Amino acid sequence: MAAKSRSAGKSQGTKHSPKPGGAERHAHSRGLLVIAVAFGARHLLSQDLAGDAEHLLDLLRIDPHNHYIHLLLEKIAKIDAHKLRELRAGTFFYAALFLIEGTGLALRQRWAEYVTIISTSSLIPIEVYETLKQYTPAKIAFLFINVVVVVYLIFELRRNRGA
């Protein structure tokens, strides 16, 4: 009887725990991607960005005379070493944040849930600023989705507080 109640308690305990490979894997993958981008930005710091972009377009057989590709190449050509250093610093910051968040979620730590809410909600002020600067329906939609996700995460955190 005691063995039966212990095994029942174990199955109930795993009932409310997150499934492995869900948000934990996503946060871990996102952190690795941001680290890769940061190292790429560091490597490109002393490189010819426009030349590298044109070479990549050539490898992918993308028409460099395409209007959108031309706009992209113009923006890349305007990136100087100072902007690239800022990009690298920001990318390393977010990589560290996502790595900590992913590790905490994988280890099922309660603090990682708070970090997830903070990192998700940290983009809301930027989205509000960008929406006020230039209103588009897409910006409103992304802002709305981000707010809904944050509210959902807070709701789930409170709902599972005792679990």
N, C-alpha and C. Protein backbone atom coordinates (compact mmCIF):
# COMPACT_ATOMS: atom_id res chain seq x y z
N MET A 1 0.82 -1.19 0.00
CA MET A 1 0.00 0.00 0.00
C MET A 1 0.87 1.26 0.00
N ALA A 2 1.94 1.24 0.80
CA ALA A 2 2.82 2.40 0.85
C ALA A 2 3.53 2.60 -0.48
N ALA A 3 3.93 1.49 -1.13
CA ALA A 3 4.59 1.60 -2.43
C ALA A 3 3.63 2.16 -3.47
N LYS A 4 2.37 1.74 -3.37
CA LYS A 4 1.38 2.22 -4.32
C LYS A 4 1.15 3.72 -4.16
N SER A 5 1.07 4.22 -2.94
CA SER A 5 0.83 5.64 -2.72
C SER A 5 2.04 6.47 -3.14
N ARG A 6 3.27 5.92 -2.98
CA ARG A 6 4.46 6.63 -3.42
C ARG A 6 4.48 6.77 -4.94
N SER A 7 4.14 5.70 -5.64
CA SER A 7 4.15 5.78 -7.09
C SER A 7 3.03 6.68 -7.59
N ALA A 8 1.90 6.71 -6.90
CA ALA A 8 0.81 7.60 -7.29
C ALA A 8 1.23 9.05 -7.10
N GLY A 9 1.97 9.31 -6.03
CA GLY A 9 2.45 10.67 -5.79
C GLY A 9 3.42 11.11 -6.87
N LYS A 10 4.24 10.17 -7.36
CA LYS A 10 5.19 10.52 -8.42
C LYS A 10 4.46 10.84 -9.71
N SER A 11 3.46 10.07 -10.03
CA SER A 11 2.76 10.34 -11.28
C SER A 11 1.99 11.66 -11.20
N GLN A 12 1.50 12.00 -10.02
CA GLN A 12 0.81 13.28 -9.88
C GLN A 12 1.81 14.42 -9.97
N GLY A 13 3.00 14.23 -9.44
CA GLY A 13 4.01 15.28 -9.47
C GLY A 13 4.46 15.61 -10.89
N THR A 14 4.53 14.62 -11.75
CA THR A 14 4.96 14.88 -13.12
C THR A 14 3.82 15.36 -13.98
N LYS A 15 2.60 15.23 -13.48
CA LYS A 15 1.44 15.65 -14.25
C LYS A 15 1.49 17.14 -14.57
N HIS A 16 1.92 17.97 -13.64
CA HIS A 16 1.91 19.42 -13.83
C HIS A 16 3.25 19.97 -14.27
N SER A 17 4.28 19.13 -14.36
CA SER A 17 5.58 19.63 -14.76
C SER A 17 5.64 19.78 -16.28
N PRO A 18 6.43 20.74 -16.75
CA PRO A 18 6.50 20.96 -18.19
C PRO A 18 7.13 19.77 -18.90
N LYS A 19 6.69 19.53 -20.11
CA LYS A 19 7.23 18.42 -20.90
C LYS A 19 8.63 18.79 -21.35
N PRO A 20 9.57 17.82 -21.30
CA PRO A 20 10.92 18.12 -21.75
C PRO A 20 10.94 18.39 -23.24
N GLY A 21 11.80 19.32 -23.63
CA GLY A 21 11.97 19.60 -25.04
C GLY A 21 11.09 20.71 -25.55
N GLY A 22 10.23 21.27 -24.74
CA GLY A 22 9.33 22.34 -25.18
C GLY A 22 10.02 23.68 -25.12
N ALA A 23 9.60 24.50 -24.16
CA ALA A 23 10.16 25.85 -24.02
C ALA A 23 11.65 25.79 -23.69
N GLU A 24 12.06 24.75 -22.95
CA GLU A 24 13.47 24.66 -22.59
C GLU A 24 14.33 24.53 -23.83
N ARG A 25 13.95 23.66 -24.76
CA ARG A 25 14.73 23.47 -25.97
C ARG A 25 14.72 24.74 -26.81
N HIS A 26 13.56 25.41 -26.88
CA HIS A 26 13.46 26.63 -27.67
C HIS A 26 14.38 27.71 -27.11
N ALA A 27 14.37 27.90 -25.80
CA ALA A 27 15.22 28.93 -25.19
C ALA A 27 16.69 28.58 -25.38
N HIS A 28 17.04 27.29 -25.27
CA HIS A 28 18.42 26.85 -25.45
C HIS A 28 18.86 27.11 -26.89
N SER A 29 18.03 26.75 -27.86
CA SER A 29 18.36 26.96 -29.27
C SER A 29 18.50 28.44 -29.58
N ARG A 30 17.61 29.25 -29.02
CA ARG A 30 17.65 30.68 -29.25
C ARG A 30 18.94 31.25 -28.69
N GLY A 31 19.36 30.80 -27.53
CA GLY A 31 20.61 31.28 -26.94
C GLY A 31 21.82 30.92 -27.78
N LEU A 32 21.84 29.70 -28.31
CA LEU A 32 22.95 29.29 -29.17
C LEU A 32 22.98 30.10 -30.47
N LEU A 33 21.81 30.38 -31.01
CA LEU A 33 21.74 31.18 -32.22
C LEU A 33 22.27 32.59 -31.98
N VAL A 34 21.90 33.18 -30.86
CA VAL A 34 22.36 34.54 -30.56
C VAL A 34 23.87 34.55 -30.33
N ILE A 35 24.41 33.51 -29.70
CA ILE A 35 25.86 33.41 -29.52
C ILE A 35 26.55 33.33 -30.88
N ALA A 36 26.00 32.54 -31.78
CA ALA A 36 26.57 32.41 -33.12
C ALA A 36 26.55 33.76 -33.84
N VAL A 37 25.47 34.49 -33.72
CA VAL A 37 25.37 35.81 -34.36
C VAL A 37 26.40 36.76 -33.74
N ALA A 38 26.58 36.69 -32.43
CA ALA A 38 27.55 37.56 -31.77
C ALA A 38 28.97 37.27 -32.26
N PHE A 39 29.31 35.99 -32.36
CA PHE A 39 30.64 35.65 -32.87
C PHE A 39 30.79 36.05 -34.33
N GLY A 40 29.71 35.93 -35.09
CA GLY A 40 29.73 36.37 -36.48
C GLY A 40 29.96 37.86 -36.57
N ALA A 41 29.27 38.62 -35.71
CA ALA A 41 29.45 40.08 -35.70
C ALA A 41 30.87 40.44 -35.31
N ARG A 42 31.44 39.69 -34.38
CA ARG A 42 32.82 39.95 -33.96
C ARG A 42 33.78 39.68 -35.10
N HIS A 43 33.54 38.59 -35.81
CA HIS A 43 34.40 38.24 -36.95
C HIS A 43 34.32 39.31 -38.05
N LEU A 44 33.13 39.83 -38.27
CA LEU A 44 32.92 40.80 -39.33
C LEU A 44 33.38 42.21 -38.97
N LEU A 45 33.80 42.41 -37.72
CA LEU A 45 34.16 43.74 -37.26
C LEU A 45 35.24 44.38 -38.13
N SER A 46 36.17 43.59 -38.60
CA SER A 46 37.24 44.15 -39.42
C SER A 46 37.08 43.77 -40.89
N GLN A 47 35.91 43.30 -41.27
CA GLN A 47 35.66 42.84 -42.63
C GLN A 47 34.91 43.88 -43.44
N ASP A 48 34.84 43.63 -44.74
CA ASP A 48 34.05 44.44 -45.67
C ASP A 48 32.65 43.84 -45.72
N LEU A 49 31.71 44.43 -44.95
CA LEU A 49 30.38 43.86 -44.84
C LEU A 49 29.65 43.82 -46.18
N ALA A 50 29.72 44.90 -46.93
CA ALA A 50 29.02 44.95 -48.21
C ALA A 50 29.59 43.90 -49.16
N GLY A 51 30.89 43.75 -49.16
CA GLY A 51 31.52 42.73 -50.01
C GLY A 51 31.12 41.33 -49.61
N ASP A 52 31.08 41.08 -48.30
CA ASP A 52 30.66 39.76 -47.81
C ASP A 52 29.21 39.48 -48.16
N ALA A 53 28.36 40.51 -48.04
CA ALA A 53 26.94 40.33 -48.37
C ALA A 53 26.77 40.04 -49.86
N GLU A 54 27.51 40.75 -50.70
CA GLU A 54 27.44 40.50 -52.13
C GLU A 54 27.92 39.10 -52.47
N HIS A 55 28.98 38.65 -51.79
CA HIS A 55 29.49 37.29 -52.00
C HIS A 55 28.44 36.25 -51.60
N LEU A 56 27.78 36.48 -50.47
CA LEU A 56 26.72 35.57 -50.02
C LEU A 56 25.57 35.53 -51.02
N LEU A 57 25.17 36.69 -51.53
CA LEU A 57 24.11 36.74 -52.53
C LEU A 57 24.52 35.97 -53.78
N ASP A 58 25.78 36.07 -54.14
CA ASP A 58 26.29 35.34 -55.30
C ASP A 58 26.24 33.84 -55.06
N LEU A 59 26.65 33.41 -53.87
CA LEU A 59 26.61 31.98 -53.53
C LEU A 59 25.19 31.43 -53.54
N LEU A 60 24.25 32.24 -53.05
CA LEU A 60 22.85 31.80 -52.99
C LEU A 60 22.10 32.04 -54.30
N ARG A 61 22.80 32.60 -55.27
CA ARG A 61 22.23 32.90 -56.59
C ARG A 61 20.99 33.80 -56.50
N ILE A 62 21.13 34.84 -55.68
CA ILE A 62 20.07 35.84 -55.52
C ILE A 62 20.44 37.04 -56.38
N ASP A 63 19.49 37.55 -57.11
CA ASP A 63 19.72 38.68 -58.01
C ASP A 63 20.06 39.94 -57.19
N PRO A 64 21.28 40.45 -57.30
CA PRO A 64 21.66 41.64 -56.53
C PRO A 64 20.97 42.91 -57.02
N HIS A 65 20.31 42.85 -58.17
CA HIS A 65 19.60 44.01 -58.70
C HIS A 65 18.16 44.08 -58.21
N ASN A 66 17.76 43.11 -57.39
CA ASN A 66 16.43 43.13 -56.79
C ASN A 66 16.32 44.37 -55.90
N HIS A 67 15.17 45.02 -55.95
CA HIS A 67 14.97 46.27 -55.20
C HIS A 67 15.23 46.09 -53.70
N TYR A 68 14.68 45.02 -53.11
CA TYR A 68 14.81 44.79 -51.68
C TYR A 68 16.24 44.42 -51.30
N ILE A 69 16.89 43.65 -52.15
CA ILE A 69 18.28 43.29 -51.90
C ILE A 69 19.15 44.55 -51.99
N HIS A 70 18.85 45.40 -52.92
CA HIS A 70 19.59 46.65 -53.07
C HIS A 70 19.46 47.51 -51.81
N LEU A 71 18.23 47.61 -51.26
CA LEU A 71 18.01 48.35 -50.01
C LEU A 71 18.80 47.73 -48.86
N LEU A 72 18.80 46.39 -48.80
CA LEU A 72 19.55 45.70 -47.76
C LEU A 72 21.05 45.99 -47.87
N LEU A 73 21.58 45.93 -49.08
CA LEU A 73 23.00 46.21 -49.28
C LEU A 73 23.36 47.64 -48.92
N GLU A 74 22.46 48.57 -49.20
CA GLU A 74 22.71 49.96 -48.81
C GLU A 74 22.77 50.10 -47.29
N LYS A 75 21.86 49.42 -46.59
CA LYS A 75 21.87 49.49 -45.12
C LYS A 75 23.13 48.85 -44.55
N ILE A 76 23.54 47.72 -45.13
CA ILE A 76 24.75 47.05 -44.66
C ILE A 76 25.97 47.93 -44.89
N ALA A 77 26.02 48.62 -46.01
CA ALA A 77 27.17 49.48 -46.32
C ALA A 77 27.29 50.63 -45.32
N LYS A 78 26.19 51.03 -44.69
CA LYS A 78 26.20 52.13 -43.73
C LYS A 78 26.66 51.71 -42.33
N ILE A 79 26.80 50.42 -42.09
CA ILE A 79 27.21 49.95 -40.76
C ILE A 79 28.71 50.18 -40.59
N ASP A 80 29.05 50.95 -39.58
CA ASP A 80 30.46 51.21 -39.31
C ASP A 80 30.93 50.34 -38.14
N ALA A 81 32.21 50.46 -37.82
CA ALA A 81 32.80 49.62 -36.77
C ALA A 81 32.14 49.88 -35.41
N HIS A 82 31.79 51.13 -35.13
CA HIS A 82 31.15 51.47 -33.86
C HIS A 82 29.79 50.78 -33.73
N LYS A 83 28.98 50.86 -34.79
CA LYS A 83 27.66 50.21 -34.77
C LYS A 83 27.82 48.69 -34.62
N LEU A 84 28.83 48.13 -35.27
CA LEU A 84 29.05 46.69 -35.20
C LEU A 84 29.45 46.28 -33.78
N ARG A 85 30.26 47.11 -33.10
CA ARG A 85 30.61 46.82 -31.71
C ARG A 85 29.37 46.86 -30.82
N GLU A 86 28.48 47.84 -31.06
CA GLU A 86 27.24 47.92 -30.29
C GLU A 86 26.38 46.67 -30.53
N LEU A 87 26.30 46.26 -31.78
CA LEU A 87 25.55 45.06 -32.13
C LEU A 87 26.13 43.84 -31.42
N ARG A 88 27.45 43.74 -31.42
CA ARG A 88 28.11 42.61 -30.76
C ARG A 88 27.83 42.60 -29.27
N ALA A 89 27.94 43.76 -28.61
CA ALA A 89 27.69 43.84 -27.17
C ALA A 89 26.25 43.46 -26.84
N GLY A 90 25.30 43.98 -27.59
CA GLY A 90 23.90 43.64 -27.37
C GLY A 90 23.61 42.18 -27.61
N THR A 91 24.24 41.63 -28.65
CA THR A 91 24.03 40.23 -28.97
C THR A 91 24.61 39.33 -27.88
N PHE A 92 25.80 39.66 -27.37
CA PHE A 92 26.37 38.87 -26.27
C PHE A 92 25.49 38.94 -25.02
N PHE A 93 24.94 40.14 -24.74
CA PHE A 93 24.06 40.29 -23.59
C PHE A 93 22.85 39.36 -23.71
N TYR A 94 22.17 39.40 -24.86
CA TYR A 94 21.00 38.56 -25.05
C TYR A 94 21.37 37.08 -25.10
N ALA A 95 22.54 36.77 -25.64
CA ALA A 95 22.98 35.37 -25.65
C ALA A 95 23.15 34.86 -24.23
N ALA A 96 23.77 35.67 -23.38
CA ALA A 96 23.95 35.27 -21.98
C ALA A 96 22.60 35.12 -21.28
N LEU A 97 21.70 36.07 -21.53
CA LEU A 97 20.37 36.00 -20.93
C LEU A 97 19.63 34.74 -21.36
N PHE A 98 19.63 34.45 -22.66
CA PHE A 98 18.93 33.27 -23.16
C PHE A 98 19.58 31.97 -22.69
N LEU A 99 20.90 31.98 -22.55
CA LEU A 99 21.60 30.79 -22.06
C LEU A 99 21.23 30.53 -20.59
N ILE A 100 21.20 31.58 -19.79
CA ILE A 100 20.80 31.45 -18.38
C ILE A 100 19.35 31.00 -18.29
N GLU A 101 18.50 31.64 -19.09
CA GLU A 101 17.08 31.29 -19.09
C GLU A 101 16.87 29.84 -19.52
N GLY A 102 17.50 29.42 -20.59
CA GLY A 102 17.35 28.05 -21.09
C GLY A 102 17.87 27.02 -20.11
N THR A 103 19.01 27.32 -19.49
CA THR A 103 19.57 26.40 -18.49
C THR A 103 18.64 26.27 -17.29
N GLY A 104 18.13 27.40 -16.82
CA GLY A 104 17.21 27.37 -15.69
C GLY A 104 15.93 26.62 -16.00
N LEU A 105 15.38 26.82 -17.21
CA LEU A 105 14.17 26.10 -17.59
C LEU A 105 14.44 24.61 -17.74
N ALA A 106 15.59 24.26 -18.30
CA ALA A 106 15.93 22.84 -18.44
C ALA A 106 16.08 22.16 -17.09
N LEU A 107 16.58 22.91 -16.12
CA LEU A 107 16.73 22.38 -14.76
C LEU A 107 15.47 22.58 -13.92
N ARG A 108 14.43 23.12 -14.54
CA ARG A 108 13.12 23.34 -13.92
C ARG A 108 13.22 24.21 -12.66
N GLN A 109 13.97 25.29 -12.78
CA GLN A 109 14.13 26.23 -11.68
C GLN A 109 13.04 27.30 -11.75
N ARG A 110 12.49 27.64 -10.61
CA ARG A 110 11.41 28.62 -10.55
C ARG A 110 11.87 30.00 -11.02
N TRP A 111 13.11 30.39 -10.68
CA TRP A 111 13.61 31.70 -11.05
C TRP A 111 13.68 31.86 -12.57
N ALA A 112 13.86 30.75 -13.28
CA ALA A 112 13.94 30.82 -14.74
C ALA A 112 12.62 31.25 -15.35
N GLU A 113 11.52 30.92 -14.70
CA GLU A 113 10.21 31.35 -15.18
C GLU A 113 10.09 32.88 -15.08
N TYR A 114 10.63 33.44 -14.01
CA TYR A 114 10.63 34.90 -13.87
C TYR A 114 11.53 35.54 -14.93
N VAL A 115 12.69 34.94 -15.18
CA VAL A 115 13.60 35.46 -16.20
C VAL A 115 12.92 35.43 -17.57
N THR A 116 12.15 34.38 -17.84
CA THR A 116 11.43 34.28 -19.11
C THR A 116 10.42 35.41 -19.26
N ILE A 117 9.70 35.69 -18.19
CA ILE A 117 8.72 36.79 -18.24
C ILE A 117 9.42 38.12 -18.43
N ILE A 118 10.51 38.34 -17.74
CA ILE A 118 11.25 39.60 -17.86
C ILE A 118 11.82 39.75 -19.27
N SER A 119 12.43 38.69 -19.81
CA SER A 119 13.03 38.81 -21.14
C SER A 119 11.96 38.99 -22.22
N THR A 120 10.81 38.35 -22.05
CA THR A 120 9.74 38.50 -23.02
C THR A 120 9.13 39.89 -22.95
N SER A 121 8.93 40.39 -21.75
CA SER A 121 8.32 41.72 -21.60
C SER A 121 9.29 42.86 -21.87
N SER A 122 10.59 42.57 -21.91
CA SER A 122 11.57 43.64 -22.13
C SER A 122 11.45 44.27 -23.52
N LEU A 123 10.84 43.58 -24.45
CA LEU A 123 10.70 44.12 -25.80
C LEU A 123 9.46 45.01 -25.95
N ILE A 124 8.56 44.97 -25.00
CA ILE A 124 7.32 45.74 -25.10
C ILE A 124 7.59 47.25 -25.20
N PRO A 125 8.45 47.84 -24.36
CA PRO A 125 8.71 49.28 -24.51
C PRO A 125 9.26 49.66 -25.88
N ILE A 126 10.12 48.82 -26.44
CA ILE A 126 10.66 49.09 -27.77
C ILE A 126 9.56 49.02 -28.81
N GLU A 127 8.68 48.03 -28.68
CA GLU A 127 7.57 47.90 -29.62
C GLU A 127 6.61 49.10 -29.52
N VAL A 128 6.36 49.57 -28.30
CA VAL A 128 5.50 50.74 -28.12
C VAL A 128 6.15 51.96 -28.78
N TYR A 129 7.44 52.15 -28.54
CA TYR A 129 8.16 53.28 -29.14
C TYR A 129 8.09 53.22 -30.67
N GLU A 130 8.38 52.05 -31.22
CA GLU A 130 8.36 51.90 -32.68
C GLU A 130 6.95 52.12 -33.24
N THR A 131 5.94 51.68 -32.52
CA THR A 131 4.56 51.86 -32.98
C THR A 131 4.17 53.34 -32.94
N LEU A 132 4.59 54.05 -31.90
CA LEU A 132 4.29 55.48 -31.81
C LEU A 132 5.06 56.28 -32.86
N LYS A 133 6.27 55.82 -33.17
CA LYS A 133 7.10 56.50 -34.16
C LYS A 133 6.51 56.37 -35.56
N GLN A 134 6.08 55.17 -35.90
CA GLN A 134 5.46 54.94 -37.21
C GLN A 134 4.44 53.83 -37.06
N TYR A 135 3.18 54.20 -37.07
CA TYR A 135 2.08 53.26 -36.88
C TYR A 135 1.88 52.38 -38.11
N THR A 136 1.87 51.07 -37.88
CA THR A 136 1.46 50.13 -38.92
C THR A 136 0.64 49.03 -38.24
N PRO A 137 -0.29 48.44 -38.95
CA PRO A 137 -1.08 47.35 -38.37
C PRO A 137 -0.21 46.17 -37.92
N ALA A 138 0.87 45.90 -38.63
CA ALA A 138 1.75 44.79 -38.25
C ALA A 138 2.41 45.06 -36.89
N LYS A 139 2.84 46.30 -36.66
CA LYS A 139 3.46 46.65 -35.38
C LYS A 139 2.47 46.52 -34.24
N ILE A 140 1.23 46.94 -34.48
CA ILE A 140 0.18 46.79 -33.47
C ILE A 140 -0.06 45.31 -33.18
N ALA A 141 -0.08 44.49 -34.22
CA ALA A 141 -0.31 43.06 -34.05
C ALA A 141 0.81 42.42 -33.23
N PHE A 142 2.06 42.75 -33.55
CA PHE A 142 3.18 42.19 -32.79
C PHE A 142 3.16 42.65 -31.33
N LEU A 143 2.84 43.91 -31.12
CA LEU A 143 2.73 44.42 -29.76
C LEU A 143 1.63 43.69 -28.99
N PHE A 144 0.49 43.53 -29.62
CA PHE A 144 -0.63 42.83 -28.99
C PHE A 144 -0.26 41.38 -28.66
N ILE A 145 0.37 40.70 -29.59
CA ILE A 145 0.77 39.30 -29.37
C ILE A 145 1.77 39.21 -28.21
N ASN A 146 2.73 40.12 -28.17
CA ASN A 146 3.73 40.09 -27.10
C ASN A 146 3.08 40.33 -25.74
N VAL A 147 2.14 41.28 -25.67
CA VAL A 147 1.44 41.54 -24.41
C VAL A 147 0.62 40.32 -23.98
N VAL A 148 -0.06 39.69 -24.93
CA VAL A 148 -0.85 38.48 -24.62
C VAL A 148 0.06 37.37 -24.10
N VAL A 149 1.22 37.19 -24.71
CA VAL A 149 2.15 36.15 -24.27
C VAL A 149 2.63 36.43 -22.84
N VAL A 150 2.96 37.68 -22.55
CA VAL A 150 3.43 38.03 -21.20
C VAL A 150 2.32 37.80 -20.17
N VAL A 151 1.10 38.22 -20.50
CA VAL A 151 -0.03 38.01 -19.58
C VAL A 151 -0.24 36.51 -19.36
N TYR A 152 -0.15 35.72 -20.42
CA TYR A 152 -0.30 34.26 -20.29
C TYR A 152 0.80 33.67 -19.40
N LEU A 153 2.04 34.11 -19.60
CA LEU A 153 3.14 33.59 -18.77
C LEU A 153 2.94 33.93 -17.30
N ILE A 154 2.49 35.15 -17.03
CA ILE A 154 2.23 35.55 -15.64
C ILE A 154 1.09 34.72 -15.06
N PHE A 155 0.03 34.53 -15.85
CA PHE A 155 -1.10 33.72 -15.40
C PHE A 155 -0.65 32.29 -15.07
N GLU A 156 0.16 31.69 -15.94
CA GLU A 156 0.64 30.33 -15.71
C GLU A 156 1.56 30.26 -14.49
N LEU A 157 2.38 31.27 -14.30
CA LEU A 157 3.28 31.29 -13.15
C LEU A 157 2.48 31.34 -11.85
N ARG A 158 1.45 32.18 -11.82
CA ARG A 158 0.61 32.28 -10.62
C ARG A 158 -0.21 31.01 -10.41
N ARG A 159 -0.72 30.44 -11.50
CA ARG A 159 -1.55 29.23 -11.41
C ARG A 159 -0.74 28.06 -10.86
N ASN A 160 0.51 27.98 -11.25
CA ASN A 160 1.37 26.85 -10.83
C ASN A 160 2.25 27.20 -9.64
N ARG A 161 1.93 28.27 -8.94
CA ARG A 161 2.74 28.72 -7.81
C ARG A 161 2.90 27.64 -6.75
N GLY A 162 1.85 26.92 -6.46
CA GLY A 162 1.91 25.90 -5.42
C GLY A 162 2.40 24.55 -5.89
N ALA A 163 2.56 24.37 -7.20
CA ALA A 163 2.92 23.05 -7.73
C ALA A 163 4.35 22.67 -7.47
